[in-house]
Structure formats: structure tokens, C-alpha cells
Amino acid sequence: MLTELGYELYQEWDKGISWKQGETYIVFVQTEKRFLEFPYHRRRTGLNHIAFHASSRYQLDEMIPELKKRGIPILYEDKYPYAGGLGHYAVFFEDPDRIKVELVASDLDVPSCKL
């Protein structure tokens, strides 16, 4: 998904990877086993979810089949694309650690192009 959103692979190492787009820098690091006693849950203290901007509603709509093809759980699918409320065109899904990810379109005034 990050590549589709314009991020470029920046670094890779044994337990992590980073991506960069302009001044934005995102790092993913595998949690050490000693810190896995309490698994992640977005309602605990810490990260609730992470959101990314799609370049358009079209790009966002195009991501849905790819997410499904990869077996990624879509959240609030029955309310898509307005699960975040009217005027908030977005899809919500979970990563492998069940972190909620939001992809939101920035051009809310352009009609959706579903294929």
C-alpha cells in the first residue's frame, strides 16, 4: 500500500524496514519476543490507529480489491465508504498485528469511480 501512496523504500535490516515520502518517515520494527507478553490492542494506551491519505477516491476504491485479495480484514465494510461519518471517504482495515489502518481520500468533492 505504501508504494501505491507514493512512499519509497528507504532502509531494510534484519528486524525492520522504513519508508519515506518527502519529510514523512515511517519505520516498522519487529517486536522483540520479551515484549510480546501483552499483545497489542488498539484500545490500550498507545497507538489507536494510523491513517494515510489516498490521492483520490479512485485510488482508495482501487485498494479495496487488493486488500481483499491479500486476505486483509476490512473493518466496518457495511458502512464503506462513510464509516468515519458523512463527508469522510475512507476505508478501515487491520494489519497482521490487528492495528487499525485508515486510508482516506483527500478529494472529497470528486465523485467515486468504482470499476
PDB file of N, CA and C in Angstrom:
ATOM      1  N   MET A   1       0.807  -1.180   0.000  1.00  0.00           N
ATOM      2  CA  MET A   1       0.000   0.000   0.000  1.00  0.00           C
ATOM      3  C   MET A   1       0.862   1.259   0.000  1.00  0.00           C
ATOM      4  N   LEU A   2       1.953   1.255   0.743  1.00  0.00           N
ATOM      5  CA  LEU A   2       2.783   2.457   0.832  1.00  0.00           C
ATOM      6  C   LEU A   2       3.337   2.865  -0.531  1.00  0.00           C
ATOM      7  N   THR A   3       3.746   1.896  -1.333  1.00  0.00           N
ATOM      8  CA  THR A   3       4.251   2.196  -2.667  1.00  0.00           C
ATOM      9  C   THR A   3       3.168   2.867  -3.502  1.00  0.00           C
ATOM     10  N   GLU A   4       1.942   2.338  -3.423  1.00  0.00           N
ATOM     11  CA  GLU A   4       0.816   2.925  -4.156  1.00  0.00           C
ATOM     12  C   GLU A   4       0.547   4.363  -3.719  1.00  0.00           C
ATOM     13  N   LEU A   5       0.846   4.686  -2.467  1.00  0.00           N
ATOM     14  CA  LEU A   5       0.614   6.029  -1.943  1.00  0.00           C
ATOM     15  C   LEU A   5       1.790   6.974  -2.182  1.00  0.00           C
ATOM     16  N   GLY A   6       2.841   6.479  -2.855  1.00  0.00           N
ATOM     17  CA  GLY A   6       3.968   7.337  -3.204  1.00  0.00           C
ATOM     18  C   GLY A   6       5.167   7.253  -2.273  1.00  0.00           C
ATOM     19  N   TYR A   7       5.129   6.346  -1.298  1.00  0.00           N
ATOM     20  CA  TYR A   7       6.285   6.162  -0.414  1.00  0.00           C
ATOM     21  C   TYR A   7       7.329   5.318  -1.126  1.00  0.00           C
ATOM     22  N   GLU A   8       8.581   5.541  -0.780  1.00  0.00           N
ATOM     23  CA  GLU A   8       9.679   4.754  -1.342  1.00  0.00           C
ATOM     24  C   GLU A   8      10.393   4.014  -0.227  1.00  0.00           C
ATOM     25  N   LEU A   9      10.813   2.788  -0.530  1.00  0.00           N
ATOM     26  CA  LEU A   9      11.599   2.022   0.428  1.00  0.00           C
ATOM     27  C   LEU A   9      12.843   2.823   0.764  1.00  0.00           C
ATOM     28  N   TYR A  10      13.110   2.989   2.057  1.00  0.00           N
ATOM     29  CA  TYR A  10      14.239   3.810   2.481  1.00  0.00           C
ATOM     30  C   TYR A  10      15.354   2.959   3.080  1.00  0.00           C
ATOM     31  N   GLN A  11      15.010   2.071   4.022  1.00  0.00           N
ATOM     32  CA  GLN A  11      16.014   1.215   4.662  1.00  0.00           C
ATOM     33  C   GLN A  11      15.415  -0.167   4.925  1.00  0.00           C
ATOM     34  N   GLU A  12      16.276  -1.160   4.963  1.00  0.00           N
ATOM     35  CA  GLU A  12      15.882  -2.516   5.349  1.00  0.00           C
ATOM     36  C   GLU A  12      16.972  -3.107   6.220  1.00  0.00           C
ATOM     37  N   TRP A  13      16.602  -3.820   7.257  1.00  0.00           N
ATOM     38  CA  TRP A  13      17.546  -4.536   8.097  1.00  0.00           C
ATOM     39  C   TRP A  13      16.859  -5.786   8.611  1.00  0.00           C
ATOM     40  N   ASP A  14      17.583  -6.617   9.323  1.00  0.00           N
ATOM     41  CA  ASP A  14      17.104  -7.925   9.743  1.00  0.00           C
ATOM     42  C   ASP A  14      15.721  -7.895  10.391  1.00  0.00           C
ATOM     43  N   LYS A  15      15.448  -6.964  11.266  1.00  0.00           N
ATOM     44  CA  LYS A  15      14.188  -6.932  12.016  1.00  0.00           C
ATOM     45  C   LYS A  15      13.330  -5.711  11.696  1.00  0.00           C
ATOM     46  N   GLY A  16      13.613  -5.008  10.585  1.00  0.00           N
ATOM     47  CA  GLY A  16      12.817  -3.827  10.305  1.00  0.00           C
ATOM     48  C   GLY A  16      12.919  -3.318   8.886  1.00  0.00           C
ATOM     49  N   ILE A  17      12.093  -2.312   8.623  1.00  0.00           N
ATOM     50  CA  ILE A  17      12.044  -1.696   7.302  1.00  0.00           C
ATOM     51  C   ILE A  17      11.540  -0.266   7.484  1.00  0.00           C
ATOM     52  N   SER A  18      11.955   0.638   6.605  1.00  0.00           N
ATOM     53  CA  SER A  18      11.436   2.001   6.682  1.00  0.00           C
ATOM     54  C   SER A  18      11.067   2.483   5.288  1.00  0.00           C
ATOM     55  N   TRP A  19      10.134   3.424   5.263  1.00  0.00           N
ATOM     56  CA  TRP A  19       9.611   4.002   4.037  1.00  0.00           C
ATOM     57  C   TRP A  19       9.634   5.515   4.179  1.00  0.00           C
ATOM     58  N   LYS A  20       9.812   6.230   3.067  1.00  0.00           N
ATOM     59  CA  LYS A  20       9.910   7.684   3.121  1.00  0.00           C
ATOM     60  C   LYS A  20       9.129   8.297   1.960  1.00  0.00           C
ATOM     61  N   GLN A  21       8.472   9.417   2.268  1.00  0.00           N
ATOM     62  CA  GLN A  21       7.820  10.234   1.246  1.00  0.00           C
ATOM     63  C   GLN A  21       7.988  11.680   1.675  1.00  0.00           C
ATOM     64  N   GLY A  22       8.782  12.431   0.933  1.00  0.00           N
ATOM     65  CA  GLY A  22       9.066  13.808   1.333  1.00  0.00           C
ATOM     66  C   GLY A  22       9.684  13.830   2.719  1.00  0.00           C
ATOM     67  N   GLU A  23       9.072  14.567   3.627  1.00  0.00           N
ATOM     68  CA  GLU A  23       9.564  14.666   5.005  1.00  0.00           C
ATOM     69  C   GLU A  23       9.002  13.575   5.911  1.00  0.00           C
ATOM     70  N   THR A  24       8.088  12.752   5.390  1.00  0.00           N
ATOM     71  CA  THR A  24       7.462  11.703   6.201  1.00  0.00           C
ATOM     72  C   THR A  24       8.318  10.446   6.170  1.00  0.00           C
ATOM     73  N   TYR A  25       8.550   9.899   7.337  1.00  0.00           N
ATOM     74  CA  TYR A  25       9.432   8.741   7.508  1.00  0.00           C
ATOM     75  C   TYR A  25       8.710   7.753   8.420  1.00  0.00           C
ATOM     76  N   ILE A  26       8.471   6.534   7.941  1.00  0.00           N
ATOM     77  CA  ILE A  26       7.754   5.514   8.706  1.00  0.00           C
ATOM     78  C   ILE A  26       8.673   4.318   8.899  1.00  0.00           C
ATOM     79  N   VAL A  27       8.760   3.852  10.139  1.00  0.00           N
ATOM     80  CA  VAL A  27       9.631   2.721  10.469  1.00  0.00           C
ATOM     81  C   VAL A  27       8.791   1.602  11.079  1.00  0.00           C
ATOM     82  N   PHE A  28       8.982   0.387  10.577  1.00  0.00           N
ATOM     83  CA  PHE A  28       8.348  -0.802  11.135  1.00  0.00           C
ATOM     84  C   PHE A  28       9.450  -1.711  11.668  1.00  0.00           C
ATOM     85  N   VAL A  29       9.363  -2.063  12.952  1.00  0.00           N
ATOM     86  CA  VAL A  29      10.362  -2.921  13.584  1.00  0.00           C
ATOM     87  C   VAL A  29       9.639  -4.087  14.255  1.00  0.00           C
ATOM     88  N   GLN A  30      10.150  -5.285  14.055  1.00  0.00           N
ATOM     89  CA  GLN A  30       9.586  -6.465  14.700  1.00  0.00           C
ATOM     90  C   GLN A  30       9.786  -6.368  16.203  1.00  0.00           C
ATOM     91  N   THR A  31       8.716  -6.595  16.950  1.00  0.00           N
ATOM     92  CA  THR A  31       8.785  -6.550  18.412  1.00  0.00           C
ATOM     93  C   THR A  31       9.622  -7.711  18.921  1.00  0.00           C
ATOM     94  N   GLU A  32      10.512  -7.415  19.864  1.00  0.00           N
ATOM     95  CA  GLU A  32      11.318  -8.471  20.468  1.00  0.00           C
ATOM     96  C   GLU A  32      10.422  -9.396  21.284  1.00  0.00           C
ATOM     97  N   LYS A  33      10.754 -10.677  21.303  1.00  0.00           N
ATOM     98  CA  LYS A  33       9.947 -11.681  21.989  1.00  0.00           C
ATOM     99  C   LYS A  33       9.679 -11.311  23.450  1.00  0.00           C
ATOM    100  N   ARG A  34      10.652 -10.717  24.118  1.00  0.00           N
ATOM    101  CA  ARG A  34      10.495 -10.384  25.539  1.00  0.00           C
ATOM    102  C   ARG A  34       9.422  -9.317  25.773  1.00  0.00           C
ATOM    103  N   PHE A  35       9.017  -8.597  24.721  1.00  0.00           N
ATOM    104  CA  PHE A  35       7.996  -7.571  24.862  1.00  0.00           C
ATOM    105  C   PHE A  35       6.618  -8.020  24.360  1.00  0.00           C
ATOM    106  N   LEU A  36       6.493  -9.288  24.002  1.00  0.00           N
ATOM    107  CA  LEU A  36       5.247  -9.796  23.437  1.00  0.00           C
ATOM    108  C   LEU A  36       4.285 -10.370  24.475  1.00  0.00           C
ATOM    109  N   GLU A  37       4.634 -10.309  25.751  1.00  0.00           N
ATOM    110  CA  GLU A  37       3.784 -10.894  26.788  1.00  0.00           C
ATOM    111  C   GLU A  37       2.364 -10.343  26.712  1.00  0.00           C
ATOM    112  N   PHE A  38       2.231  -9.039  26.538  1.00  0.00           N
ATOM    113  CA  PHE A  38       0.923  -8.421  26.402  1.00  0.00           C
ATOM    114  C   PHE A  38       0.751  -8.020  24.941  1.00  0.00           C
ATOM    115  N   PRO A  39      -0.055  -8.765  24.191  1.00  0.00           N
ATOM    116  CA  PRO A  39      -0.201  -8.446  22.770  1.00  0.00           C
ATOM    117  C   PRO A  39      -0.847  -7.072  22.562  1.00  0.00           C
ATOM    118  N   TYR A  40      -0.619  -6.535  21.396  1.00  0.00           N
ATOM    119  CA  TYR A  40      -1.166  -5.226  21.040  1.00  0.00           C
ATOM    120  C   TYR A  40      -2.695  -5.250  21.042  1.00  0.00           C
ATOM    121  N   HIS A  41      -3.294  -4.195  21.509  1.00  0.00           N
ATOM    122  CA  HIS A  41      -4.714  -3.936  21.323  1.00  0.00           C
ATOM    123  C   HIS A  41      -4.892  -2.429  21.234  1.00  0.00           C
ATOM    124  N   ARG A  42      -5.568  -1.968  20.205  1.00  0.00           N
ATOM    125  CA  ARG A  42      -5.655  -0.527  19.946  1.00  0.00           C
ATOM    126  C   ARG A  42      -6.396   0.249  21.026  1.00  0.00           C
ATOM    127  N   ARG A  43      -7.103  -0.421  21.908  1.00  0.00           N
ATOM    128  CA  ARG A  43      -7.816   0.294  22.970  1.00  0.00           C
ATOM    129  C   ARG A  43      -6.973   0.457  24.234  1.00  0.00           C
ATOM    130  N   ARG A  44      -5.807  -0.153  24.260  1.00  0.00           N
ATOM    131  CA  ARG A  44      -4.875   0.079  25.369  1.00  0.00           C
ATOM    132  C   ARG A  44      -4.144   1.391  25.134  1.00  0.00           C
ATOM    133  N   THR A  45      -3.375   1.814  26.113  1.00  0.00           N
ATOM    134  CA  THR A  45      -2.563   3.014  25.961  1.00  0.00           C
ATOM    135  C   THR A  45      -1.595   2.804  24.803  1.00  0.00           C
ATOM    136  N   GLY A  46      -1.446   3.810  23.976  1.00  0.00           N
ATOM    137  CA  GLY A  46      -0.539   3.714  22.836  1.00  0.00           C
ATOM    138  C   GLY A  46      -1.282   4.009  21.541  1.00  0.00           C
ATOM    139  N   LEU A  47      -0.784   3.505  20.459  1.00  0.00           N
ATOM    140  CA  LEU A  47      -1.337   3.741  19.129  1.00  0.00           C
ATOM    141  C   LEU A  47      -2.748   3.171  19.008  1.00  0.00           C
ATOM    142  N   ASN A  48      -3.703   4.011  18.610  1.00  0.00           N
ATOM    143  CA  ASN A  48      -5.065   3.545  18.348  1.00  0.00           C
ATOM    144  C   ASN A  48      -5.185   3.095  16.902  1.00  0.00           C
ATOM    145  N   HIS A  49      -4.805   3.962  15.978  1.00  0.00           N
ATOM    146  CA  HIS A  49      -4.764   3.587  14.570  1.00  0.00           C
ATOM    147  C   HIS A  49      -3.896   4.589  13.828  1.00  0.00           C
ATOM    148  N   ILE A  50      -3.565   4.240  12.599  1.00  0.00           N
ATOM    149  CA  ILE A  50      -2.728   5.101  11.771  1.00  0.00           C
ATOM    150  C   ILE A  50      -3.502   5.381  10.483  1.00  0.00           C
ATOM    151  N   ALA A  51      -3.435   6.612  10.009  1.00  0.00           N
ATOM    152  CA  ALA A  51      -4.184   6.997   8.815  1.00  0.00           C
ATOM    153  C   ALA A  51      -3.244   7.516   7.733  1.00  0.00           C
ATOM    154  N   PHE A  52      -3.610   7.214   6.497  1.00  0.00           N
ATOM    155  CA  PHE A  52      -2.863   7.664   5.324  1.00  0.00           C
ATOM    156  C   PHE A  52      -3.841   8.333   4.369  1.00  0.00           C
ATOM    157  N   HIS A  53      -3.352   9.305   3.600  1.00  0.00           N
ATOM    158  CA  HIS A  53      -4.167   9.948   2.573  1.00  0.00           C
ATOM    159  C   HIS A  53      -3.972   9.235   1.248  1.00  0.00           C
ATOM    160  N   ALA A  54      -5.076   8.905   0.597  1.00  0.00           N
ATOM    161  CA  ALA A  54      -5.043   8.444  -0.788  1.00  0.00           C
ATOM    162  C   ALA A  54      -5.047   9.690  -1.667  1.00  0.00           C
ATOM    163  N   SER A  55      -4.553   9.581  -2.876  1.00  0.00           N
ATOM    164  CA  SER A  55      -4.522  10.742  -3.766  1.00  0.00           C
ATOM    165  C   SER A  55      -5.907  11.087  -4.303  1.00  0.00           C
ATOM    166  N   SER A  56      -6.825  10.116  -4.259  1.00  0.00           N
ATOM    167  CA  SER A  56      -8.178  10.340  -4.773  1.00  0.00           C
ATOM    168  C   SER A  56      -9.099   9.242  -4.268  1.00  0.00           C
ATOM    169  N   ARG A  57     -10.389   9.462  -4.459  1.00  0.00           N
ATOM    170  CA  ARG A  57     -11.358   8.405  -4.151  1.00  0.00           C
ATOM    171  C   ARG A  57     -11.106   7.200  -5.043  1.00  0.00           C
ATOM    172  N   TYR A  58     -10.759   7.469  -6.286  1.00  0.00           N
ATOM    173  CA  TYR A  58     -10.470   6.381  -7.223  1.00  0.00           C
ATOM    174  C   TYR A  58      -9.342   5.495  -6.697  1.00  0.00           C
ATOM    175  N   GLN A  59      -8.242   6.095  -6.234  1.00  0.00           N
ATOM    176  CA  GLN A  59      -7.130   5.308  -5.703  1.00  0.00           C
ATOM    177  C   GLN A  59      -7.587   4.494  -4.500  1.00  0.00           C
ATOM    178  N   LEU A  60      -8.378   5.114  -3.635  1.00  0.00           N
ATOM    179  CA  LEU A  60      -8.879   4.413  -2.456  1.00  0.00           C
ATOM    180  C   LEU A  60      -9.739   3.226  -2.882  1.00  0.00           C
ATOM    181  N   ASP A  61     -10.677   3.454  -3.800  1.00  0.00           N
ATOM    182  CA  ASP A  61     -11.547   2.371  -4.273  1.00  0.00           C
ATOM    183  C   ASP A  61     -10.746   1.238  -4.906  1.00  0.00           C
ATOM    184  N   GLU A  62      -9.673   1.579  -5.595  1.00  0.00           N
ATOM    185  CA  GLU A  62      -8.828   0.574  -6.241  1.00  0.00           C
ATOM    186  C   GLU A  62      -8.076  -0.285  -5.217  1.00  0.00           C
ATOM    187  N   MET A  63      -7.873   0.215  -4.008  1.00  0.00           N
ATOM    188  CA  MET A  63      -7.147  -0.529  -2.977  1.00  0.00           C
ATOM    189  C   MET A  63      -8.002  -1.652  -2.381  1.00  0.00           C
ATOM    190  N   ILE A  64      -9.313  -1.501  -2.382  1.00  0.00           N
ATOM    191  CA  ILE A  64     -10.206  -2.474  -1.740  1.00  0.00           C
ATOM    192  C   ILE A  64     -10.003  -3.887  -2.299  1.00  0.00           C
ATOM    193  N   PRO A  65     -10.072  -4.100  -3.621  1.00  0.00           N
ATOM    194  CA  PRO A  65      -9.872  -5.462  -4.136  1.00  0.00           C
ATOM    195  C   PRO A  65      -8.488  -6.032  -3.793  1.00  0.00           C
ATOM    196  N   GLU A  66      -7.469  -5.166  -3.776  1.00  0.00           N
ATOM    197  CA  GLU A  66      -6.117  -5.623  -3.442  1.00  0.00           C
ATOM    198  C   GLU A  66      -6.046  -6.069  -1.984  1.00  0.00           C
ATOM    199  N   LEU A  67      -6.649  -5.309  -1.087  1.00  0.00           N
ATOM    200  CA  LEU A  67      -6.675  -5.687   0.328  1.00  0.00           C
ATOM    201  C   LEU A  67      -7.379  -7.028   0.497  1.00  0.00           C
ATOM    202  N   LYS A  68      -8.522  -7.184  -0.154  1.00  0.00           N
ATOM    203  CA  LYS A  68      -9.288  -8.439  -0.055  1.00  0.00           C
ATOM    204  C   LYS A  68      -8.501  -9.609  -0.636  1.00  0.00           C
ATOM    205  N   LYS A  69      -7.835  -9.367  -1.769  1.00  0.00           N
ATOM    206  CA  LYS A  69      -7.030 -10.421  -2.410  1.00  0.00           C
ATOM    207  C   LYS A  69      -5.945 -10.929  -1.468  1.00  0.00           C
ATOM    208  N   ARG A  70      -5.424 -10.046  -0.652  1.00  0.00           N
ATOM    209  CA  ARG A  70      -4.368 -10.410   0.292  1.00  0.00           C
ATOM    210  C   ARG A  70      -4.913 -10.935   1.621  1.00  0.00           C
ATOM    211  N   GLY A  71      -6.243 -11.037   1.729  1.00  0.00           N
ATOM    212  CA  GLY A  71      -6.848 -11.569   2.944  1.00  0.00           C
ATOM    213  C   GLY A  71      -6.821 -10.597   4.111  1.00  0.00           C
ATOM    214  N   ILE A  72      -6.725  -9.312   3.830  1.00  0.00           N
ATOM    215  CA  ILE A  72      -6.658  -8.295   4.882  1.00  0.00           C
ATOM    216  C   ILE A  72      -8.082  -7.958   5.322  1.00  0.00           C
ATOM    217  N   PRO A  73      -8.365  -8.075   6.623  1.00  0.00           N
ATOM    218  CA  PRO A  73      -9.724  -7.806   7.100  1.00  0.00           C
ATOM    219  C   PRO A  73     -10.122  -6.338   6.925  1.00  0.00           C
ATOM    220  N   ILE A  74     -11.246  -6.116   6.231  1.00  0.00           N
ATOM    221  CA  ILE A  74     -11.813  -4.783   6.073  1.00  0.00           C
ATOM    222  C   ILE A  74     -12.738  -4.552   7.264  1.00  0.00           C
ATOM    223  N   LEU A  75     -12.552  -3.442   7.947  1.00  0.00           N
ATOM    224  CA  LEU A  75     -13.389  -3.102   9.096  1.00  0.00           C
ATOM    225  C   LEU A  75     -14.567  -2.232   8.640  1.00  0.00           C
ATOM    226  N   TYR A  76     -15.711  -2.393   9.272  1.00  0.00           N
ATOM    227  CA  TYR A  76     -16.899  -1.567   9.000  1.00  0.00           C
ATOM    228  C   TYR A  76     -17.284  -1.603   7.520  1.00  0.00           C
ATOM    229  N   GLU A  77     -17.080  -2.751   6.879  1.00  0.00           N
ATOM    230  CA  GLU A  77     -17.312  -2.855   5.442  1.00  0.00           C
ATOM    231  C   GLU A  77     -18.752  -2.495   5.065  1.00  0.00           C
ATOM    232  N   ASP A  78     -19.689  -2.783   5.950  1.00  0.00           N
ATOM    233  CA  ASP A  78     -21.087  -2.471   5.668  1.00  0.00           C
ATOM    234  C   ASP A  78     -21.357  -0.971   5.627  1.00  0.00           C
ATOM    235  N   LYS A  79     -20.428  -0.167   6.141  1.00  0.00           N
ATOM    236  CA  LYS A  79     -20.589   1.289   6.159  1.00  0.00           C
ATOM    237  C   LYS A  79     -19.653   1.993   5.175  1.00  0.00           C
ATOM    238  N   TYR A  80     -18.909   1.216   4.382  1.00  0.00           N
ATOM    239  CA  TYR A  80     -17.974   1.781   3.416  1.00  0.00           C
ATOM    240  C   TYR A  80     -18.726   2.597   2.384  1.00  0.00           C
ATOM    241  N   PRO A  81     -18.258   3.756   2.025  1.00  0.00           N
ATOM    242  CA  PRO A  81     -17.017   4.422   2.375  1.00  0.00           C
ATOM    243  C   PRO A  81     -17.163   5.487   3.474  1.00  0.00           C
ATOM    244  N   TYR A  82     -18.315   5.494   4.166  1.00  0.00           N
ATOM    245  CA  TYR A  82     -18.545   6.560   5.149  1.00  0.00           C
ATOM    246  C   TYR A  82     -18.555   6.057   6.589  1.00  0.00           C
ATOM    247  N   ALA A  83     -17.754   5.047   6.896  1.00  0.00           N
ATOM    248  CA  ALA A  83     -17.679   4.537   8.269  1.00  0.00           C
ATOM    249  C   ALA A  83     -17.164   5.594   9.233  1.00  0.00           C
ATOM    250  N   GLY A  84     -16.404   6.559   8.733  1.00  0.00           N
ATOM    251  CA  GLY A  84     -15.900   7.649   9.561  1.00  0.00           C
ATOM    252  C   GLY A  84     -16.869   8.820   9.641  1.00  0.00           C
ATOM    253  N   GLY A  85     -18.038   8.679   9.027  1.00  0.00           N
ATOM    254  CA  GLY A  85     -19.047   9.736   9.017  1.00  0.00           C
ATOM    255  C   GLY A  85     -19.225  10.309   7.625  1.00  0.00           C
ATOM    256  N   LEU A  86     -20.354  10.953   7.417  1.00  0.00           N
ATOM    257  CA  LEU A  86     -20.617  11.580   6.115  1.00  0.00           C
ATOM    258  C   LEU A  86     -19.555  12.633   5.824  1.00  0.00           C
ATOM    259  N   GLY A  87     -19.119  12.684   4.581  1.00  0.00           N
ATOM    260  CA  GLY A  87     -18.082  13.634   4.200  1.00  0.00           C
ATOM    261  C   GLY A  87     -16.672  13.154   4.513  1.00  0.00           C
ATOM    262  N   HIS A  88     -16.534  11.918   5.010  1.00  0.00           N
ATOM    263  CA  HIS A  88     -15.218  11.347   5.336  1.00  0.00           C
ATOM    264  C   HIS A  88     -15.095  10.035   4.565  1.00  0.00           C
ATOM    265  N   TYR A  89     -14.574  10.104   3.343  1.00  0.00           N
ATOM    266  CA  TYR A  89     -14.487   8.966   2.426  1.00  0.00           C
ATOM    267  C   TYR A  89     -13.246   8.147   2.769  1.00  0.00           C
ATOM    268  N   ALA A  90     -13.455   6.966   3.372  1.00  0.00           N
ATOM    269  CA  ALA A  90     -12.315   6.198   3.875  1.00  0.00           C
ATOM    270  C   ALA A  90     -12.614   4.708   3.903  1.00  0.00           C
ATOM    271  N   VAL A  91     -11.545   3.936   3.964  1.00  0.00           N
ATOM    272  CA  VAL A  91     -11.633   2.502   4.243  1.00  0.00           C
ATOM    273  C   VAL A  91     -10.768   2.242   5.473  1.00  0.00           C
ATOM    274  N   PHE A  92     -11.246   1.360   6.328  1.00  0.00           N
ATOM    275  CA  PHE A  92     -10.521   0.960   7.529  1.00  0.00           C
ATOM    276  C   PHE A  92     -10.230  -0.527   7.416  1.00  0.00           C
ATOM    277  N   PHE A  93      -9.025  -0.933   7.804  1.00  0.00           N
ATOM    278  CA  PHE A  93      -8.670  -2.346   7.776  1.00  0.00           C
ATOM    279  C   PHE A  93      -7.647  -2.624   8.856  1.00  0.00           C
ATOM    280  N   GLU A  94      -7.303  -3.908   9.042  1.00  0.00           N
ATOM    281  CA  GLU A  94      -6.342  -4.290  10.079  1.00  0.00           C
ATOM    282  C   GLU A  94      -5.079  -4.860   9.459  1.00  0.00           C
ATOM    283  N   ASP A  95      -3.949  -4.513  10.075  1.00  0.00           N
ATOM    284  CA  ASP A  95      -2.690  -5.116   9.648  1.00  0.00           C
ATOM    285  C   ASP A  95      -2.550  -6.473  10.356  1.00  0.00           C
ATOM    286  N   PRO A  96      -1.485  -7.223  10.096  1.00  0.00           N
ATOM    287  CA  PRO A  96      -1.342  -8.550  10.717  1.00  0.00           C
ATOM    288  C   PRO A  96      -1.325  -8.539  12.248  1.00  0.00           C
ATOM    289  N   ASP A  97      -0.957  -7.407  12.865  1.00  0.00           N
ATOM    290  CA  ASP A  97      -0.959  -7.310  14.330  1.00  0.00           C
ATOM    291  C   ASP A  97      -2.263  -6.723  14.858  1.00  0.00           C
ATOM    292  N   ARG A  98      -3.254  -6.571  13.983  1.00  0.00           N
ATOM    293  CA  ARG A  98      -4.571  -6.034  14.302  1.00  0.00           C
ATOM    294  C   ARG A  98      -4.552  -4.542  14.590  1.00  0.00           C
ATOM    295  N   ILE A  99      -3.524  -3.857  14.100  1.00  0.00           N
ATOM    296  CA  ILE A  99      -3.508  -2.403  14.192  1.00  0.00           C
ATOM    297  C   ILE A  99      -4.465  -1.874  13.126  1.00  0.00           C
ATOM    298  N   LYS A 100      -5.342  -0.978  13.529  1.00  0.00           N
ATOM    299  CA  LYS A 100      -6.303  -0.416  12.583  1.00  0.00           C
ATOM    300  C   LYS A 100      -5.590   0.602  11.696  1.00  0.00           C
ATOM    301  N   VAL A 101      -5.807   0.462  10.386  1.00  0.00           N
ATOM    302  CA  VAL A 101      -5.236   1.366   9.397  1.00  0.00           C
ATOM    303  C   VAL A 101      -6.399   2.026   8.667  1.00  0.00           C
ATOM    304  N   GLU A 102      -6.278   3.323   8.455  1.00  0.00           N
ATOM    305  CA  GLU A 102      -7.302   4.080   7.741  1.00  0.00           C
ATOM    306  C   GLU A 102      -6.666   4.670   6.488  1.00  0.00           C
ATOM    307  N   LEU A 103      -7.351   4.533   5.382  1.00  0.00           N
ATOM    308  CA  LEU A 103      -6.944   5.167   4.140  1.00  0.00           C
ATOM    309  C   LEU A 103      -8.085   6.103   3.758  1.00  0.00           C
ATOM    310  N   VAL A 104      -7.804   7.403   3.698  1.00  0.00           N
ATOM    311  CA  VAL A 104      -8.845   8.404   3.463  1.00  0.00           C
ATOM    312  C   VAL A 104      -8.539   9.198   2.201  1.00  0.00           C
ATOM    313  N   ALA A 105      -9.579   9.475   1.429  1.00  0.00           N
ATOM    314  CA  ALA A 105      -9.410  10.250   0.199  1.00  0.00           C
ATOM    315  C   ALA A 105      -9.374  11.726   0.526  1.00  0.00           C
ATOM    316  N   SER A 106      -8.525  12.443  -0.173  1.00  0.00           N
ATOM    317  CA  SER A 106      -8.371  13.868   0.099  1.00  0.00           C
ATOM    318  C   SER A 106      -9.243  14.735  -0.793  1.00  0.00           C
ATOM    319  N   ASP A 107      -9.794  14.174  -1.865  1.00  0.00           N
ATOM    320  CA  ASP A 107     -10.596  14.980  -2.784  1.00  0.00           C
ATOM    321  C   ASP A 107     -12.074  14.636  -2.603  1.00  0.00           C
ATOM    322  N   LEU A 108     -12.632  15.016  -1.483  1.00  0.00           N
ATOM    323  CA  LEU A 108     -13.977  14.623  -1.123  1.00  0.00           C
ATOM    324  C   LEU A 108     -15.055  15.172  -2.054  1.00  0.00           C
ATOM    325  N   ASP A 109     -14.730  16.143  -2.899  1.00  0.00           N
ATOM    326  CA  ASP A 109     -15.743  16.712  -3.774  1.00  0.00           C
ATOM    327  C   ASP A 109     -15.813  16.031  -5.124  1.00  0.00           C
ATOM    328  N   VAL A 110     -14.961  15.038  -5.381  1.00  0.00           N
ATOM    329  CA  VAL A 110     -14.944  14.340  -6.662  1.00  0.00           C
ATOM    330  C   VAL A 110     -15.724  13.041  -6.535  1.00  0.00           C
ATOM    331  N   PRO A 111     -16.640  12.746  -7.433  1.00  0.00           N
ATOM    332  CA  PRO A 111     -17.414  11.504  -7.350  1.00  0.00           C
ATOM    333  C   PRO A 111     -16.522  10.271  -7.395  1.00  0.00           C
ATOM    334  N   SER A 112     -16.943   9.232  -6.738  1.00  0.00           N
ATOM    335  CA  SER A 112     -16.227   7.967  -6.724  1.00  0.00           C
ATOM    336  C   SER A 112     -16.301   7.302  -8.088  1.00  0.00           C
ATOM    337  N   CYS A 113     -15.230   6.620  -8.465  1.00  0.00           N
ATOM    338  CA  CYS A 113     -15.183   5.879  -9.723  1.00  0.00           C
ATOM    339  C   CYS A 113     -15.015   4.405  -9.398  1.00  0.00           C
ATOM    340  N   LYS A 114     -16.094   3.691  -9.272  1.00  0.00           N
ATOM    341  CA  LYS A 114     -15.999   2.265  -8.978  1.00  0.00           C
ATOM    342  C   LYS A 114     -15.953   1.506 -10.297  1.00  0.00           C
ATOM    343  N   LEU A 115     -15.048   0.542 -10.373  1.00  0.00           N
ATOM    344  CA  LEU A 115     -14.928  -0.276 -11.594  1.00  0.00           C
ATOM    345  C   LEU A 115     -15.651  -1.575 -11.411  1.00  0.00           C
TER     346      LEU A 115
END
